Amino acid sequence: MFRPPEYAALINPIACNAFAMRCEGRNDLEQTLVVDTGLTLDGTPINAVVLDATTQSQVCDAKLFVCPFIKLLTPVSPDYAGRFFLARFTFSIDGEKVVNDSAVEMHLVCPACQIAVQPSPDSSDATLVRLLLGQSEDEVLGCCQMFFLPNGTRIVATLSGIPTGAGAIRINTGAILANYTTKARQGCLFGVGALDAQQQAYPVTYPCPSTFGAAQAPTTSPAVAPTGVSFGPASGVSGS
């Protein structure tokens, strides 16, 4: 699975400068389309727009484009899968073709939960063999290009030559994206602490001695009944 770099530089080739940007995590784009291929084999191939979306980013943010992908979510027979692999895939960003008339097989990703429907041992009906096919995300990453997309970028993908004869099939098409920002990290994300009513953070301290390092002789003390437990100044969390 693709893990975006923690930091990346957004380069402006016109101004000859760059901005350091911090990754906030993956933000993949994905749309579903159900295509009715009918029940007749070798019919007229189908062409369809399988993805049409526009990115949205804040002023200080940008989407990092990695690569497109396709998922065939409907189990199909091996014969139909071989035909579907030969369909052609085109993926454009603001009218510029990133993938131009490429074989679907090169961009087909297996869903996270792979499903296979096999016939029973005593069945002779070969049409019952139905598989949900695809490759791992790591294999698709071989075609990644990685560039930043400005706000309002339109992404369009088309499939041409979809074979007929499999009934209604569900196709998911999308792109691996990651969200980056120039804003500094905010919030209490650097350590463990407690919040008071005004949402002020106080670090949590632990009274127990370190259990790692040089061995220390055990100490004993008279047993005293506990009077209270506190989890930080004005934290609002206490016990008795």
Protein backbone atom coordinates (compact mmCIF):
# COMPACT_ATOMS: atom_id res chain seq x y z
CA MET A 1 0.00 0.00 0.00
CA PHE A 2 1.23 3.46 -0.91
CA ARG A 3 2.38 5.61 2.01
CA PRO A 4 2.89 9.25 1.01
CA PRO A 5 6.08 10.98 2.20
CA GLU A 6 5.70 13.03 5.36
CA TYR A 7 7.01 16.15 3.60
CA ALA A 8 7.07 17.21 -0.05
CA ALA A 9 7.90 20.37 -1.98
CA LEU A 10 5.41 22.14 -4.19
CA ILE A 11 7.57 23.60 -6.96
CA ASN A 12 6.63 26.71 -8.92
CA PRO A 13 8.78 26.50 -12.08
CA ILE A 14 7.75 30.00 -13.22
CA ALA A 15 8.83 31.77 -10.01
CA CYS A 16 11.67 29.28 -9.45
CA ASN A 17 10.69 28.64 -5.83
CA ALA A 18 9.17 25.87 -3.74
CA PHE A 19 6.96 25.48 -0.68
CA ALA A 20 7.49 22.79 1.93
CA MET A 21 4.25 20.90 2.57
CA ARG A 22 3.30 18.42 5.28
CA CYS A 23 1.23 15.31 4.59
CA GLU A 24 -2.10 15.02 6.38
CA GLY A 25 -2.85 11.54 5.05
CA ARG A 26 -4.34 9.84 2.03
CA ASN A 27 -7.44 11.33 0.47
CA ASP A 28 -8.29 8.94 -2.38
CA LEU A 29 -10.91 9.78 -4.97
CA GLU A 30 -13.29 6.99 -6.04
CA GLN A 31 -16.60 6.77 -7.91
CA THR A 32 -18.90 3.84 -8.71
CA LEU A 33 -20.63 3.16 -12.02
CA VAL A 34 -22.93 0.24 -12.87
CA VAL A 35 -22.69 -0.72 -16.55
CA ASP A 36 -25.33 -2.98 -18.09
CA THR A 37 -23.41 -5.18 -20.52
CA GLY A 38 -26.44 -7.33 -21.37
CA LEU A 39 -26.42 -11.11 -21.68
CA THR A 40 -25.33 -11.42 -25.31
CA LEU A 41 -21.66 -12.21 -25.96
CA ASP A 42 -19.71 -10.49 -28.73
CA GLY A 43 -22.16 -7.60 -28.94
CA THR A 44 -21.23 -4.00 -29.66
CA PRO A 45 -18.57 -2.93 -27.12
CA ILE A 46 -19.64 -0.25 -24.66
CA ASN A 47 -17.95 3.08 -24.02
CA ALA A 48 -18.55 4.90 -20.73
CA VAL A 49 -17.35 7.83 -18.64
CA VAL A 50 -16.49 6.07 -15.38
CA LEU A 51 -15.14 9.03 -13.41
CA ASP A 52 -15.86 12.76 -13.49
CA ALA A 53 -14.87 14.74 -10.40
CA THR A 54 -13.39 18.06 -9.35
CA THR A 55 -10.91 18.43 -6.50
CA GLN A 56 -11.52 20.78 -3.58
CA SER A 57 -8.65 22.16 -1.51
CA GLN A 58 -8.22 24.96 1.03
CA VAL A 59 -5.97 27.92 0.21
CA CYS A 60 -2.99 26.44 2.06
CA ASP A 61 -3.57 22.86 0.87
CA ALA A 62 -3.01 20.80 -2.25
CA LYS A 63 -3.77 17.26 -3.41
CA LEU A 64 -0.83 15.07 -4.41
CA PHE A 65 -1.80 12.86 -7.35
CA VAL A 66 -0.12 9.46 -7.38
CA CYS A 67 -1.83 7.21 -9.92
CA PRO A 68 -5.28 6.12 -11.18
CA PHE A 69 -6.91 2.75 -10.57
CA ILE A 70 -9.90 0.62 -11.58
CA LYS A 71 -11.78 -2.00 -9.54
CA LEU A 72 -14.11 -4.59 -11.02
CA LEU A 73 -16.42 -5.32 -8.09
CA THR A 74 -18.74 -7.81 -9.79
CA PRO A 75 -17.57 -11.45 -9.99
CA VAL A 76 -17.17 -12.50 -13.63
CA SER A 77 -16.17 -15.65 -15.48
CA PRO A 78 -12.53 -16.14 -16.53
CA ASP A 79 -13.59 -15.80 -20.16
CA TYR A 80 -15.23 -12.43 -19.56
CA ALA A 81 -12.29 -11.28 -17.44
CA GLY A 82 -9.94 -11.94 -20.36
CA ARG A 83 -12.14 -9.79 -22.57
CA PHE A 84 -12.46 -7.04 -19.96
CA PHE A 85 -8.67 -6.87 -19.59
CA LEU A 86 -8.48 -5.70 -23.21
CA ALA A 87 -10.79 -2.71 -22.73
CA ARG A 88 -9.04 0.65 -23.06
CA PHE A 89 -8.59 3.17 -20.24
CA THR A 90 -8.05 6.92 -20.61
CA PHE A 91 -7.48 9.22 -17.63
CA SER A 92 -7.17 12.99 -17.99
CA ILE A 93 -6.49 15.85 -15.57
CA ASP A 94 -7.81 19.24 -16.73
CA GLY A 95 -7.86 17.89 -20.27
CA GLU A 96 -4.29 16.58 -20.21
CA LYS A 97 -4.14 12.82 -20.73
CA VAL A 98 -2.17 11.13 -17.96
CA VAL A 99 -3.16 7.67 -19.21
CA ASN A 100 -3.97 7.46 -22.92
CA ASP A 101 -5.81 4.43 -24.30
CA SER A 102 -4.05 1.96 -22.00
CA ALA A 103 -5.16 -1.63 -21.35
CA VAL A 104 -7.43 -1.94 -18.33
CA GLU A 105 -5.33 -4.85 -17.07
CA MET A 106 -2.48 -2.44 -16.26
CA HIS A 107 -4.64 -0.40 -13.85
CA LEU A 108 -6.97 -3.01 -12.34
CA VAL A 109 -6.69 -3.19 -8.54
CA CYS A 110 -8.12 -6.03 -6.49
CA PRO A 111 -10.60 -4.81 -3.83
CA ALA A 112 -9.58 -5.07 -0.21
CA CYS A 113 -11.85 -8.10 0.21
CA GLN A 114 -11.32 -10.51 -2.67
CA ILE A 115 -14.30 -12.69 -3.51
CA ALA A 116 -14.26 -15.90 -5.52
CA VAL A 117 -17.29 -18.04 -6.34
CA GLN A 118 -16.38 -21.58 -7.37
CA PRO A 119 -18.70 -24.43 -8.48
CA SER A 120 -19.42 -27.36 -6.18
CA PRO A 121 -17.27 -30.49 -6.78
CA ASP A 122 -20.19 -32.41 -8.33
CA SER A 123 -21.15 -29.59 -10.67
CA SER A 124 -20.37 -29.75 -14.38
CA ASP A 125 -21.69 -26.28 -15.20
CA ALA A 126 -18.58 -24.26 -16.15
CA THR A 127 -20.60 -21.03 -16.12
CA LEU A 128 -20.61 -21.17 -12.30
CA VAL A 129 -16.89 -20.33 -12.21
CA ARG A 130 -16.91 -16.63 -11.35
CA LEU A 131 -13.95 -14.64 -10.08
CA LEU A 132 -13.28 -11.12 -8.87
CA LEU A 133 -9.87 -10.29 -10.31
CA GLY A 134 -7.18 -7.65 -9.93
CA GLN A 135 -3.65 -6.97 -8.77
CA SER A 136 -2.26 -5.45 -5.61
CA GLU A 137 -1.97 -1.69 -5.18
CA ASP A 138 1.82 -1.98 -5.03
CA GLU A 139 1.87 -3.42 -8.56
CA VAL A 140 -0.24 -0.56 -9.91
CA LEU A 141 2.10 1.98 -8.30
CA GLY A 142 4.62 1.24 -11.04
CA CYS A 143 2.80 3.81 -13.18
CA CYS A 144 2.70 6.56 -10.54
CA GLN A 145 3.67 10.10 -11.57
CA MET A 146 3.18 12.17 -8.39
CA PHE A 147 2.38 15.83 -8.91
CA PHE A 148 0.28 18.39 -7.04
CA LEU A 149 -3.19 19.38 -8.22
CA PRO A 150 -4.51 22.92 -7.77
CA ASN A 151 -7.95 23.53 -6.32
CA GLY A 152 -10.76 22.95 -8.82
CA THR A 153 -8.86 20.40 -10.92
CA ARG A 154 -11.25 18.32 -13.05
CA ILE A 155 -10.47 14.62 -13.35
CA VAL A 156 -12.18 12.54 -16.06
CA ALA A 157 -11.71 8.85 -16.87
CA THR A 158 -13.28 6.78 -19.65
CA LEU A 159 -13.45 3.10 -20.50
CA SER A 160 -13.89 2.09 -24.13
CA GLY A 161 -14.46 -1.36 -25.52
CA ILE A 162 -16.19 -2.81 -22.44
CA PRO A 163 -17.27 -6.31 -23.58
CA THR A 164 -20.89 -7.42 -23.44
CA GLY A 165 -22.39 -10.56 -21.95
CA ALA A 166 -21.86 -10.23 -18.17
CA GLY A 167 -25.08 -8.47 -17.21
CA ALA A 168 -24.83 -5.49 -14.87
CA ILE A 169 -21.26 -5.02 -13.64
CA ARG A 170 -20.07 -2.56 -11.02
CA ILE A 171 -16.88 -0.64 -11.80
CA ASN A 172 -15.10 1.65 -9.34
CA THR A 173 -12.66 4.15 -10.81
CA GLY A 174 -10.49 6.57 -8.90
CA ALA A 175 -7.09 7.95 -8.08
CA ILE A 176 -4.69 7.59 -5.18
CA LEU A 177 -4.38 11.06 -3.66
CA ALA A 178 -2.78 12.51 -0.55
CA ASN A 179 -3.63 15.81 1.13
CA TYR A 180 -0.74 18.20 1.87
CA THR A 181 -0.72 21.54 3.67
CA THR A 182 1.65 24.41 4.42
CA LYS A 183 -0.01 24.99 7.80
CA ALA A 184 1.86 24.04 10.97
CA ARG A 185 0.65 21.09 12.96
CA GLN A 186 -2.00 22.13 15.47
CA GLY A 187 -3.66 20.58 18.47
CA CYS A 188 -2.40 18.27 21.24
CA LEU A 189 -0.69 15.74 19.00
CA PHE A 190 2.79 15.73 20.51
CA GLY A 191 2.21 13.89 23.80
CA VAL A 192 -0.26 12.62 26.33
CA GLY A 193 -2.01 15.23 28.42
CA ALA A 194 -5.23 16.23 30.14
CA LEU A 195 -7.57 19.09 29.28
CA ASP A 196 -9.30 21.43 31.69
CA ALA A 197 -12.64 23.13 31.15
CA GLN A 198 -10.97 25.86 29.08
CA GLN A 199 -9.35 23.22 26.86
CA GLN A 200 -5.91 24.01 28.21
CA ALA A 201 -3.54 21.07 28.00
CA TYR A 202 -1.35 19.86 30.85
CA PRO A 203 1.17 17.04 30.50
CA VAL A 204 0.39 13.87 32.39
CA THR A 205 3.11 12.85 34.86
CA TYR A 206 3.58 9.32 36.04
CA PRO A 207 4.71 8.81 39.69
CA CYS A 208 6.05 5.29 39.07
CA PRO A 209 9.84 4.93 38.70
CA SER A 210 11.44 3.84 35.44
CA THR A 211 11.39 0.08 34.91
CA PHE A 212 14.27 0.14 32.42
CA GLY A 213 17.99 0.75 33.01
CA ALA A 214 20.10 0.03 36.09
CA ALA A 215 18.55 -2.27 38.66
CA GLN A 216 17.35 -0.57 41.82
CA ALA A 217 16.87 -2.08 45.27
CA PRO A 218 13.20 -2.32 46.20
CA THR A 219 11.97 0.08 48.85
CA THR A 220 9.25 -0.40 51.42
CA SER A 221 7.02 2.10 53.15
CA PRO A 222 4.22 1.89 55.71
CA ALA A 223 0.83 1.20 54.22
CA VAL A 224 -1.25 4.39 54.02
CA ALA A 225 -4.86 4.51 52.96
CA PRO A 226 -5.20 6.42 49.63
CA THR A 227 -6.83 9.80 49.90
CA GLY A 228 -7.27 10.64 46.24
CA VAL A 229 -6.05 10.29 42.68
CA SER A 230 -5.51 13.21 40.28
CA PHE A 231 -4.78 13.22 36.54
CA GLY A 232 -3.34 16.71 36.17
CA PRO A 233 -4.07 20.24 37.38
CA ALA A 234 -7.67 21.30 36.86
CA SER A 235 -8.25 18.33 34.61
CA GLY A 236 -11.68 17.64 36.00
CA VAL A 237 -10.79 13.93 36.32
CA SER A 238 -10.27 12.59 39.81
CA GLY A 239 -11.07 9.62 42.03
CA SER A 240 -11.30 8.88 45.70
